[in-house]
Amino acid sequence: MGKLTNLTVKGQVTIPKDGRDALGLRPGEPVEIELRGEGEAVIRRGPVGAVPDPGWVAAALARIRRVQQDHRHLAEGLDPDAYMAELREPVPLPSGEA
């Protein structure tokens, strides 16, 4: 029987130290998980220097650009009084709502 570990609320699993050592796993390196059906999976060391999925990279870059856009005022050096006035502007309600 293998070792037991718990799944966190974030979906993370800790691989016990002796297992990490046996597989040669180091923090930040890829880990491959092969699903074998009926509640079984195999964990193995992933290829070092693996290229991330392009779709994941594009989604991550889009999130970064959204954050940059949301915080552009910080890079522009907006006058603090002007920034506070912008924050305090009333937000229009959709028609029909009061």
N, C-alpha and C. Protein backbone atom coordinates (compact mmCIF):
# COMPACT_ATOMS: atom_id res chain seq x y z
N MET A 1 0.85 -1.18 0.00
CA MET A 1 0.00 0.00 0.00
C MET A 1 0.89 1.24 0.00
N GLY A 2 0.45 2.27 -0.72
CA GLY A 2 1.21 3.51 -0.80
C GLY A 2 0.96 4.39 0.41
N LYS A 3 1.55 5.57 0.37
CA LYS A 3 1.38 6.54 1.46
C LYS A 3 0.12 7.35 1.21
N LEU A 4 -0.52 7.77 2.30
CA LEU A 4 -1.71 8.60 2.21
C LEU A 4 -1.35 10.06 2.40
N THR A 5 -2.04 10.91 1.68
CA THR A 5 -1.90 12.35 1.83
C THR A 5 -3.28 12.95 1.59
N ASN A 6 -3.49 14.18 1.94
CA ASN A 6 -4.80 14.82 1.81
C ASN A 6 -4.82 15.79 0.64
N LEU A 7 -6.01 15.94 0.07
CA LEU A 7 -6.25 16.92 -0.97
C LEU A 7 -6.73 18.20 -0.29
N THR A 8 -6.11 19.34 -0.62
CA THR A 8 -6.52 20.61 -0.01
C THR A 8 -7.74 21.15 -0.72
N VAL A 9 -8.34 22.20 -0.15
CA VAL A 9 -9.50 22.83 -0.77
C VAL A 9 -9.13 23.46 -2.11
N LYS A 10 -7.85 23.73 -2.33
CA LYS A 10 -7.39 24.29 -3.60
C LYS A 10 -7.05 23.20 -4.61
N GLY A 11 -7.28 21.94 -4.25
CA GLY A 11 -7.00 20.84 -5.16
C GLY A 11 -5.54 20.43 -5.19
N GLN A 12 -4.77 20.80 -4.18
CA GLN A 12 -3.35 20.47 -4.13
C GLN A 12 -3.11 19.24 -3.28
N VAL A 13 -2.09 18.48 -3.67
CA VAL A 13 -1.70 17.29 -2.93
C VAL A 13 -0.22 17.40 -2.63
N THR A 14 0.17 17.10 -1.40
CA THR A 14 1.58 17.08 -1.04
C THR A 14 2.14 15.70 -1.31
N ILE A 15 3.22 15.65 -2.08
CA ILE A 15 3.90 14.38 -2.33
C ILE A 15 4.90 14.20 -1.19
N PRO A 16 4.82 13.10 -0.45
CA PRO A 16 5.73 12.90 0.68
C PRO A 16 7.20 13.01 0.26
N LYS A 17 8.04 13.46 1.20
CA LYS A 17 9.45 13.72 0.91
C LYS A 17 10.15 12.52 0.31
N ASP A 18 9.93 11.34 0.86
CA ASP A 18 10.64 10.17 0.31
C ASP A 18 10.21 9.90 -1.14
N GLY A 19 8.96 10.20 -1.47
CA GLY A 19 8.50 10.06 -2.85
C GLY A 19 9.12 11.11 -3.76
N ARG A 20 9.20 12.36 -3.28
CA ARG A 20 9.85 13.42 -4.06
C ARG A 20 11.31 13.08 -4.31
N ASP A 21 11.98 12.60 -3.26
CA ASP A 21 13.39 12.23 -3.40
C ASP A 21 13.58 11.08 -4.39
N ALA A 22 12.72 10.07 -4.30
CA ALA A 22 12.83 8.90 -5.18
C ALA A 22 12.62 9.29 -6.64
N LEU A 23 11.72 10.26 -6.89
CA LEU A 23 11.44 10.69 -8.26
C LEU A 23 12.37 11.81 -8.72
N GLY A 24 13.15 12.36 -7.79
CA GLY A 24 14.03 13.47 -8.14
C GLY A 24 13.27 14.76 -8.40
N LEU A 25 12.15 14.94 -7.71
CA LEU A 25 11.33 16.14 -7.89
C LEU A 25 11.88 17.31 -7.10
N ARG A 26 11.90 18.47 -7.73
CA ARG A 26 12.36 19.68 -7.07
C ARG A 26 11.26 20.75 -7.23
N PRO A 27 11.15 21.69 -6.28
CA PRO A 27 10.13 22.73 -6.37
C PRO A 27 10.21 23.49 -7.70
N GLY A 28 9.07 23.71 -8.32
CA GLY A 28 9.01 24.46 -9.57
C GLY A 28 9.17 23.63 -10.82
N GLU A 29 9.57 22.37 -10.67
CA GLU A 29 9.73 21.50 -11.84
C GLU A 29 8.40 20.83 -12.17
N PRO A 30 8.21 20.47 -13.45
CA PRO A 30 6.93 19.85 -13.84
C PRO A 30 6.77 18.44 -13.30
N VAL A 31 5.53 18.09 -13.03
CA VAL A 31 5.16 16.75 -12.59
C VAL A 31 4.08 16.26 -13.55
N GLU A 32 4.24 15.06 -14.07
CA GLU A 32 3.26 14.49 -14.99
C GLU A 32 2.32 13.58 -14.21
N ILE A 33 1.03 13.71 -14.47
CA ILE A 33 0.03 12.85 -13.83
C ILE A 33 -0.70 12.11 -14.93
N GLU A 34 -0.63 10.80 -14.89
CA GLU A 34 -1.32 9.95 -15.87
C GLU A 34 -2.52 9.31 -15.19
N LEU A 35 -3.71 9.59 -15.71
CA LEU A 35 -4.93 9.00 -15.16
C LEU A 35 -5.13 7.62 -15.77
N ARG A 36 -5.36 6.65 -14.91
CA ARG A 36 -5.50 5.26 -15.37
C ARG A 36 -6.91 4.72 -15.16
N GLY A 37 -7.87 5.58 -14.95
CA GLY A 37 -9.25 5.14 -14.76
C GLY A 37 -9.51 4.67 -13.34
N GLU A 38 -10.73 4.28 -13.06
CA GLU A 38 -11.17 3.71 -11.77
C GLU A 38 -10.39 4.20 -10.55
N GLY A 39 -10.23 5.51 -10.41
CA GLY A 39 -9.63 6.06 -9.21
C GLY A 39 -8.14 5.87 -9.08
N GLU A 40 -7.43 5.65 -10.18
CA GLU A 40 -5.98 5.43 -10.10
C GLU A 40 -5.26 6.43 -10.99
N ALA A 41 -4.13 6.93 -10.48
CA ALA A 41 -3.28 7.85 -11.25
C ALA A 41 -1.83 7.52 -10.96
N VAL A 42 -0.97 7.82 -11.92
CA VAL A 42 0.47 7.62 -11.76
C VAL A 42 1.13 8.98 -11.80
N ILE A 43 2.02 9.23 -10.84
CA ILE A 43 2.76 10.49 -10.78
C ILE A 43 4.20 10.19 -11.18
N ARG A 44 4.71 10.98 -12.12
CA ARG A 44 6.12 10.82 -12.50
C ARG A 44 6.73 12.19 -12.77
N ARG A 45 8.02 12.21 -12.74
CA ARG A 45 8.74 13.45 -13.01
C ARG A 45 8.47 13.86 -14.45
N GLY A 46 8.15 15.13 -14.64
CA GLY A 46 7.90 15.64 -15.99
C GLY A 46 9.20 16.05 -16.65
N PRO A 47 9.14 16.34 -17.92
CA PRO A 47 10.36 16.74 -18.63
C PRO A 47 10.83 18.11 -18.14
N VAL A 48 12.09 18.19 -17.75
CA VAL A 48 12.66 19.46 -17.29
C VAL A 48 12.80 20.37 -18.51
N GLY A 49 12.41 21.62 -18.35
CA GLY A 49 12.44 22.56 -19.46
C GLY A 49 11.24 22.42 -20.37
N ALA A 50 10.17 21.80 -19.86
CA ALA A 50 8.96 21.61 -20.67
C ALA A 50 8.35 22.96 -21.02
N VAL A 51 7.76 23.03 -22.19
CA VAL A 51 7.12 24.25 -22.66
C VAL A 51 5.66 24.25 -22.21
N PRO A 52 5.20 25.33 -21.56
CA PRO A 52 3.81 25.38 -21.12
C PRO A 52 2.84 25.37 -22.30
N ASP A 53 1.62 24.94 -22.06
CA ASP A 53 0.57 24.93 -23.06
C ASP A 53 0.34 26.35 -23.57
N PRO A 54 0.37 26.59 -24.90
CA PRO A 54 0.19 27.94 -25.44
C PRO A 54 -1.13 28.58 -25.02
N GLY A 55 -2.19 27.79 -24.89
CA GLY A 55 -3.47 28.34 -24.45
C GLY A 55 -3.39 28.89 -23.04
N TRP A 56 -2.68 28.19 -22.18
CA TRP A 56 -2.51 28.65 -20.80
C TRP A 56 -1.70 29.94 -20.79
N VAL A 57 -0.64 29.99 -21.60
CA VAL A 57 0.20 31.19 -21.65
C VAL A 57 -0.62 32.38 -22.13
N ALA A 58 -1.42 32.19 -23.18
CA ALA A 58 -2.24 33.28 -23.71
C ALA A 58 -3.24 33.77 -22.66
N ALA A 59 -3.86 32.86 -21.94
CA ALA A 59 -4.82 33.24 -20.90
C ALA A 59 -4.13 34.00 -19.77
N ALA A 60 -2.94 33.55 -19.39
CA ALA A 60 -2.19 34.23 -18.33
C ALA A 60 -1.80 35.64 -18.77
N LEU A 61 -1.36 35.79 -20.01
CA LEU A 61 -1.00 37.12 -20.52
C LEU A 61 -2.22 38.04 -20.58
N ALA A 62 -3.37 37.49 -20.94
CA ALA A 62 -4.60 38.30 -20.97
C ALA A 62 -4.95 38.79 -19.57
N ARG A 63 -4.79 37.93 -18.57
CA ARG A 63 -5.06 38.35 -17.18
C ARG A 63 -4.09 39.44 -16.75
N ILE A 64 -2.83 39.29 -17.12
CA ILE A 64 -1.82 40.30 -16.77
C ILE A 64 -2.18 41.64 -17.41
N ARG A 65 -2.58 41.60 -18.69
CA ARG A 65 -2.94 42.85 -19.39
C ARG A 65 -4.16 43.52 -18.74
N ARG A 66 -5.15 42.70 -18.29
CA ARG A 66 -6.31 43.28 -17.60
C ARG A 66 -5.89 43.98 -16.31
N VAL A 67 -5.01 43.35 -15.55
CA VAL A 67 -4.55 43.96 -14.30
C VAL A 67 -3.78 45.24 -14.61
N GLN A 68 -2.93 45.20 -15.64
CA GLN A 68 -2.18 46.41 -16.02
C GLN A 68 -3.14 47.53 -16.40
N GLN A 69 -4.18 47.20 -17.17
CA GLN A 69 -5.15 48.19 -17.59
C GLN A 69 -5.90 48.76 -16.37
N ASP A 70 -6.28 47.89 -15.45
CA ASP A 70 -7.01 48.33 -14.26
C ASP A 70 -6.16 49.24 -13.37
N HIS A 71 -4.85 49.09 -13.45
CA HIS A 71 -3.96 49.87 -12.58
C HIS A 71 -3.09 50.85 -13.37
N ARG A 72 -3.53 51.22 -14.56
CA ARG A 72 -2.74 52.10 -15.42
C ARG A 72 -2.48 53.45 -14.77
N HIS A 73 -3.42 53.90 -13.93
CA HIS A 73 -3.26 55.19 -13.27
C HIS A 73 -1.98 55.23 -12.42
N LEU A 74 -1.54 54.10 -11.94
CA LEU A 74 -0.33 54.07 -11.13
C LEU A 74 0.91 54.38 -11.96
N ALA A 75 0.92 53.93 -13.21
CA ALA A 75 2.06 54.17 -14.09
C ALA A 75 2.02 55.58 -14.67
N GLU A 76 0.82 56.15 -14.81
CA GLU A 76 0.68 57.47 -15.42
C GLU A 76 1.02 58.59 -14.45
N GLY A 77 1.14 58.28 -13.18
CA GLY A 77 1.44 59.32 -12.21
C GLY A 77 0.29 60.31 -12.07
N LEU A 78 -0.92 59.82 -12.11
CA LEU A 78 -2.11 60.66 -12.01
C LEU A 78 -2.08 61.43 -10.69
N ASP A 79 -2.46 62.68 -10.77
CA ASP A 79 -2.53 63.52 -9.58
C ASP A 79 -3.48 62.87 -8.57
N PRO A 80 -3.09 62.75 -7.29
CA PRO A 80 -3.94 62.08 -6.30
C PRO A 80 -5.35 62.66 -6.21
N ASP A 81 -5.48 63.99 -6.28
CA ASP A 81 -6.81 64.61 -6.20
C ASP A 81 -7.65 64.23 -7.42
N ALA A 82 -7.03 64.20 -8.59
CA ALA A 82 -7.77 63.81 -9.81
C ALA A 82 -8.17 62.34 -9.74
N TYR A 83 -7.29 61.52 -9.20
CA TYR A 83 -7.60 60.10 -9.08
C TYR A 83 -8.77 59.88 -8.12
N MET A 84 -8.76 60.56 -6.98
CA MET A 84 -9.85 60.42 -6.02
C MET A 84 -11.16 60.94 -6.61
N ALA A 85 -11.10 62.01 -7.38
CA ALA A 85 -12.32 62.53 -8.03
C ALA A 85 -12.86 61.50 -9.02
N GLU A 86 -11.95 60.83 -9.74
CA GLU A 86 -12.37 59.80 -10.70
C GLU A 86 -13.03 58.63 -9.97
N LEU A 87 -12.47 58.25 -8.82
CA LEU A 87 -13.04 57.15 -8.05
C LEU A 87 -14.43 57.49 -7.52
N ARG A 88 -14.64 58.74 -7.20
CA ARG A 88 -15.91 59.16 -6.60
C ARG A 88 -17.00 59.45 -7.61
N GLU A 89 -16.68 59.40 -8.90
CA GLU A 89 -17.71 59.66 -9.92
C GLU A 89 -18.84 58.66 -9.75
N PRO A 90 -20.08 59.13 -9.85
CA PRO A 90 -21.21 58.20 -9.71
C PRO A 90 -21.22 57.18 -10.86
N VAL A 91 -21.62 55.99 -10.53
CA VAL A 91 -21.74 54.93 -11.53
C VAL A 91 -23.18 54.92 -12.02
N PRO A 92 -23.40 55.10 -13.33
CA PRO A 92 -24.78 55.11 -13.83
C PRO A 92 -25.41 53.73 -13.71
N LEU A 93 -26.67 53.72 -13.28
CA LEU A 93 -27.42 52.47 -13.17
C LEU A 93 -28.02 52.12 -14.53
N PRO A 94 -28.16 50.84 -14.82
CA PRO A 94 -28.84 50.45 -16.06
C PRO A 94 -30.26 51.01 -16.07
N SER A 95 -30.77 51.33 -17.25
CA SER A 95 -32.11 51.92 -17.34
C SER A 95 -33.16 51.01 -16.70
N GLY A 96 -34.09 51.63 -16.00
CA GLY A 96 -35.16 50.87 -15.35
C GLY A 96 -34.86 50.54 -13.90
N GLU A 97 -33.64 50.79 -13.43
CA GLU A 97 -33.30 50.50 -12.03
C GLU A 97 -33.19 51.81 -11.27
N ALA A 98 -33.57 51.79 -10.03
CA ALA A 98 -33.47 53.01 -9.22
C ALA A 98 -32.82 52.71 -7.91
